[in-house]
C-alpha cells in the first residue's frame, strides 16, 4: 500500500512538472528583433522621425516601460501595438505584422522583451536601430 501511495504521489508530481513545462513559453529574441525593427522602429521613424534604439535604455528601464504599459506619453498602452487588431491593421504594408499576424500577443511581447533585454545599454549585445 505504501509503495502504491508513493508511486501515485510521484506520478502527480511528475505530471504537474510536465504541465508547467508545457505552459512555459521560451521567448525568441530573434523574432522579437524582427518585430521591433520592422514595426516599432518603422513606426517611430515614420511618425515622430526619431527611432528608439534598444540601447537607448537599460534592461531595468525597458522592464519598467513594459510594466507601466504606457506608450505615447501615456496616451495609449504598449500592448496595443502587439494586439492582433493592430497587426491586422498594418499587415498589408508591414511584413513582420503579416508574418506574425496569428502569434499570440503575450508571446510576441515576450519575444520583444527578450530582444530588448539582450540589446539594452547594459545587455549582452547592445544594439542600435539598424
C-alpha atoms as a PDB file:
ATOM      1  CA  UNK A   1       0.000   0.000   0.000  1.00  0.00           C
ATOM      2  CA  UNK A   2       2.795   2.419   0.928  1.00  0.00           C
ATOM      3  CA  UNK A   3       4.539   1.710  -2.378  1.00  0.00           C
ATOM      4  CA  UNK A   4       1.367   2.493  -4.353  1.00  0.00           C
ATOM      5  CA  UNK A   5       0.876   5.751  -2.471  1.00  0.00           C
ATOM      6  CA  UNK A   6       4.462   6.816  -3.147  1.00  0.00           C
ATOM      7  CA  UNK A   7       4.062   5.893  -6.806  1.00  0.00           C
ATOM      8  CA  UNK A   8       0.824   7.912  -7.078  1.00  0.00           C
ATOM      9  CA  UNK A   9       2.478  10.929  -5.457  1.00  0.00           C
ATOM     10  CA  UNK A  10       5.436  10.609  -7.834  1.00  0.00           C
ATOM     11  CA  UNK A  11       3.108  10.421 -10.852  1.00  0.00           C
ATOM     12  CA  UNK A  12       1.235  13.519  -9.669  1.00  0.00           C
ATOM     13  CA  UNK A  13       4.435  15.471  -9.093  1.00  0.00           C
ATOM     14  CA  UNK A  14       5.912  14.480 -12.458  1.00  0.00           C
ATOM     15  CA  UNK A  15       2.608  15.197 -14.194  1.00  0.00           C
ATOM     16  CA  UNK A  16       2.493  18.678 -12.678  1.00  0.00           C
ATOM     17  CA  UNK A  17       6.034  19.283 -13.893  1.00  0.00           C
ATOM     18  CA  UNK A  18       5.088  18.292 -17.436  1.00  0.00           C
ATOM     19  CA  UNK A  19       2.066  20.597 -17.371  1.00  0.00           C
ATOM     20  CA  UNK A  20       4.172  23.513 -16.085  1.00  0.00           C
ATOM     21  CA  UNK A  21       6.826  22.864 -18.735  1.00  0.00           C
ATOM     22  CA  UNK A  22       4.158  22.789 -21.432  1.00  0.00           C
ATOM     23  CA  UNK A  23       2.747  26.100 -20.210  1.00  0.00           C
ATOM     24  CA  UNK A  24       6.111  27.859 -20.037  1.00  0.00           C
ATOM     25  CA  UNK A  25       6.983  29.989 -23.058  1.00  0.00           C
ATOM     26  CA  UNK A  26      10.567  30.144 -24.233  1.00  0.00           C
ATOM     27  CA  UNK A  27      10.837  33.601 -25.753  1.00  0.00           C
ATOM     28  CA  UNK A  28      12.504  34.074 -29.134  1.00  0.00           C
ATOM     29  CA  UNK A  29      14.656  37.204 -29.083  1.00  0.00           C
ATOM     30  CA  UNK A  30      15.341  36.876 -32.823  1.00  0.00           C
ATOM     31  CA  UNK A  31      11.627  37.062 -33.607  1.00  0.00           C
ATOM     32  CA  UNK A  32      11.433  39.975 -31.148  1.00  0.00           C
ATOM     33  CA  UNK A  33      14.214  41.738 -33.036  1.00  0.00           C
ATOM     34  CA  UNK A  34      12.368  41.367 -36.335  1.00  0.00           C
ATOM     35  CA  UNK A  35       9.107  42.696 -34.899  1.00  0.00           C
ATOM     36  CA  UNK A  36      10.791  45.550 -33.028  1.00  0.00           C
ATOM     37  CA  UNK A  37      12.781  46.690 -36.027  1.00  0.00           C
ATOM     38  CA  UNK A  38      10.064  46.293 -38.640  1.00  0.00           C
ATOM     39  CA  UNK A  39       7.124  47.515 -36.576  1.00  0.00           C
ATOM     40  CA  UNK A  40       8.305  49.647 -33.649  1.00  0.00           C
ATOM     41  CA  UNK A  41      11.313  51.284 -35.296  1.00  0.00           C
ATOM     42  CA  UNK A  42       9.483  51.758 -38.601  1.00  0.00           C
ATOM     43  CA  UNK A  43       6.574  53.494 -36.895  1.00  0.00           C
ATOM     44  CA  UNK A  44       8.762  55.727 -34.729  1.00  0.00           C
ATOM     45  CA  UNK A  45      10.832  56.687 -37.767  1.00  0.00           C
ATOM     46  CA  UNK A  46       7.768  57.481 -39.884  1.00  0.00           C
ATOM     47  CA  UNK A  47       5.612  59.139 -37.223  1.00  0.00           C
ATOM     48  CA  UNK A  48       7.968  61.059 -34.984  1.00  0.00           C
ATOM     49  CA  UNK A  49      11.188  60.963 -37.024  1.00  0.00           C
ATOM     50  CA  UNK A  50      13.044  59.559 -34.016  1.00  0.00           C
ATOM     51  CA  UNK A  51      13.537  55.814 -33.681  1.00  0.00           C
ATOM     52  CA  UNK A  52      14.047  54.436 -30.185  1.00  0.00           C
ATOM     53  CA  UNK A  53      17.137  52.242 -30.216  1.00  0.00           C
ATOM     54  CA  UNK A  54      17.225  49.271 -27.829  1.00  0.00           C
ATOM     55  CA  UNK A  55      20.499  50.571 -26.386  1.00  0.00           C
ATOM     56  CA  UNK A  56      18.891  53.931 -25.536  1.00  0.00           C
ATOM     57  CA  UNK A  57      17.652  52.312 -22.308  1.00  0.00           C
ATOM     58  CA  UNK A  58      18.904  49.877 -19.682  1.00  0.00           C
ATOM     59  CA  UNK A  59      17.309  46.488 -19.008  1.00  0.00           C
ATOM     60  CA  UNK A  60      15.592  47.956 -15.929  1.00  0.00           C
ATOM     61  CA  UNK A  61      14.223  50.890 -17.939  1.00  0.00           C
ATOM     62  CA  UNK A  62      12.786  48.552 -20.594  1.00  0.00           C
ATOM     63  CA  UNK A  63      11.267  46.344 -17.886  1.00  0.00           C
ATOM     64  CA  UNK A  64       9.661  49.408 -16.276  1.00  0.00           C
ATOM     65  CA  UNK A  65       8.340  50.571 -19.652  1.00  0.00           C
ATOM     66  CA  UNK A  66       6.522  47.276 -20.205  1.00  0.00           C
ATOM     67  CA  UNK A  67       5.343  47.074 -16.611  1.00  0.00           C
ATOM     68  CA  UNK A  68       3.784  50.546 -16.616  1.00  0.00           C
ATOM     69  CA  UNK A  69       2.247  49.765 -20.037  1.00  0.00           C
ATOM     70  CA  UNK A  70       2.199  53.394 -21.165  1.00  0.00           C
ATOM     71  CA  UNK A  71       3.098  54.438 -24.674  1.00  0.00           C
ATOM     72  CA  UNK A  72       2.972  57.792 -26.435  1.00  0.00           C
ATOM     73  CA  UNK A  73       3.322  59.729 -23.168  1.00  0.00           C
ATOM     74  CA  UNK A  74       0.522  57.693 -21.586  1.00  0.00           C
ATOM     75  CA  UNK A  75      -1.998  58.261 -24.383  1.00  0.00           C
ATOM     76  CA  UNK A  76      -2.205  54.541 -25.144  1.00  0.00           C
ATOM     77  CA  UNK A  77      -0.844  51.216 -23.978  1.00  0.00           C
ATOM     78  CA  UNK A  78       2.222  49.307 -25.113  1.00  0.00           C
ATOM     79  CA  UNK A  79       0.077  46.194 -25.516  1.00  0.00           C
ATOM     80  CA  UNK A  80      -1.979  47.915 -28.217  1.00  0.00           C
ATOM     81  CA  UNK A  81       0.967  47.599 -30.616  1.00  0.00           C
ATOM     82  CA  UNK A  82       1.166  43.857 -30.103  1.00  0.00           C
ATOM     83  CA  UNK A  83      -2.545  43.191 -30.417  1.00  0.00           C
ATOM     84  CA  UNK A  84      -3.934  41.104 -33.234  1.00  0.00           C
ATOM     85  CA  UNK A  85      -6.167  44.035 -34.180  1.00  0.00           C
ATOM     86  CA  UNK A  86      -3.171  46.354 -34.582  1.00  0.00           C
ATOM     87  CA  UNK A  87      -1.178  43.771 -36.558  1.00  0.00           C
ATOM     88  CA  UNK A  88      -4.194  43.195 -38.810  1.00  0.00           C
ATOM     89  CA  UNK A  89      -4.460  46.949 -39.400  1.00  0.00           C
ATOM     90  CA  UNK A  90      -0.870  47.252 -40.681  1.00  0.00           C
ATOM     91  CA  UNK A  91      -0.130  43.827 -42.162  1.00  0.00           C
ATOM     92  CA  UNK A  92      -0.848  44.928 -45.752  1.00  0.00           C
ATOM     93  CA  UNK A  93       2.126  47.310 -45.520  1.00  0.00           C
ATOM     94  CA  UNK A  94       4.269  45.604 -42.894  1.00  0.00           C
ATOM     95  CA  UNK A  95       5.875  42.204 -43.481  1.00  0.00           C
ATOM     96  CA  UNK A  96       6.532  41.482 -39.791  1.00  0.00           C
ATOM     97  CA  UNK A  97       2.941  42.263 -38.821  1.00  0.00           C
ATOM     98  CA  UNK A  98       1.754  39.948 -41.592  1.00  0.00           C
ATOM     99  CA  UNK A  99       4.239  37.210 -40.700  1.00  0.00           C
ATOM    100  CA  UNK A 100       3.247  37.233 -37.027  1.00  0.00           C
ATOM    101  CA  UNK A 101      -0.440  38.061 -37.514  1.00  0.00           C
ATOM    102  CA  UNK A 102      -1.623  34.926 -35.719  1.00  0.00           C
ATOM    103  CA  UNK A 103       1.020  34.761 -32.998  1.00  0.00           C
ATOM    104  CA  UNK A 104      -0.456  35.190 -29.508  1.00  0.00           C
ATOM    105  CA  UNK A 105       0.004  38.725 -28.199  1.00  0.00           C
ATOM    106  CA  UNK A 106       1.658  37.567 -24.977  1.00  0.00           C
ATOM    107  CA  UNK A 107       4.245  35.514 -26.900  1.00  0.00           C
ATOM    108  CA  UNK A 108       5.119  38.412 -29.188  1.00  0.00           C
ATOM    109  CA  UNK A 109       5.509  40.756 -26.215  1.00  0.00           C
ATOM    110  CA  UNK A 110       7.832  38.255 -24.517  1.00  0.00           C
ATOM    111  CA  UNK A 111       9.869  37.962 -27.733  1.00  0.00           C
ATOM    112  CA  UNK A 112      10.340  41.729 -27.957  1.00  0.00           C
ATOM    113  CA  UNK A 113      11.164  41.934 -24.246  1.00  0.00           C
ATOM    114  CA  UNK A 114      13.842  39.262 -24.751  1.00  0.00           C
ATOM    115  CA  UNK A 115      15.333  41.225 -27.646  1.00  0.00           C
ATOM    116  CA  UNK A 116      15.304  44.485 -25.686  1.00  0.00           C
ATOM    117  CA  UNK A 117      16.818  42.794 -22.630  1.00  0.00           C
ATOM    118  CA  UNK A 118      19.652  41.404 -24.761  1.00  0.00           C
ATOM    119  CA  UNK A 119      20.108  44.655 -26.710  1.00  0.00           C
ATOM    120  CA  UNK A 120      19.743  47.183 -23.892  1.00  0.00           C
ATOM    121  CA  UNK A 121      22.507  49.584 -22.943  1.00  0.00           C
ATOM    122  CA  UNK A 122      23.622  47.122 -20.234  1.00  0.00           C
ATOM    123  CA  UNK A 123      22.576  43.959 -22.106  1.00  0.00           C
ATOM    124  CA  UNK A 124      24.707  41.169 -23.544  1.00  0.00           C
ATOM    125  CA  UNK A 125      24.697  42.688 -27.038  1.00  0.00           C
ATOM    126  CA  UNK A 126      23.715  46.394 -27.021  1.00  0.00           C
ATOM    127  CA  UNK A 127      22.112  47.293 -30.338  1.00  0.00           C
ATOM    128  CA  UNK A 128      21.125  50.403 -32.212  1.00  0.00           C
ATOM    129  CA  UNK A 129      18.160  50.803 -34.555  1.00  0.00           C
ATOM    130  CA  UNK A 130      19.511  49.151 -37.667  1.00  0.00           C
END
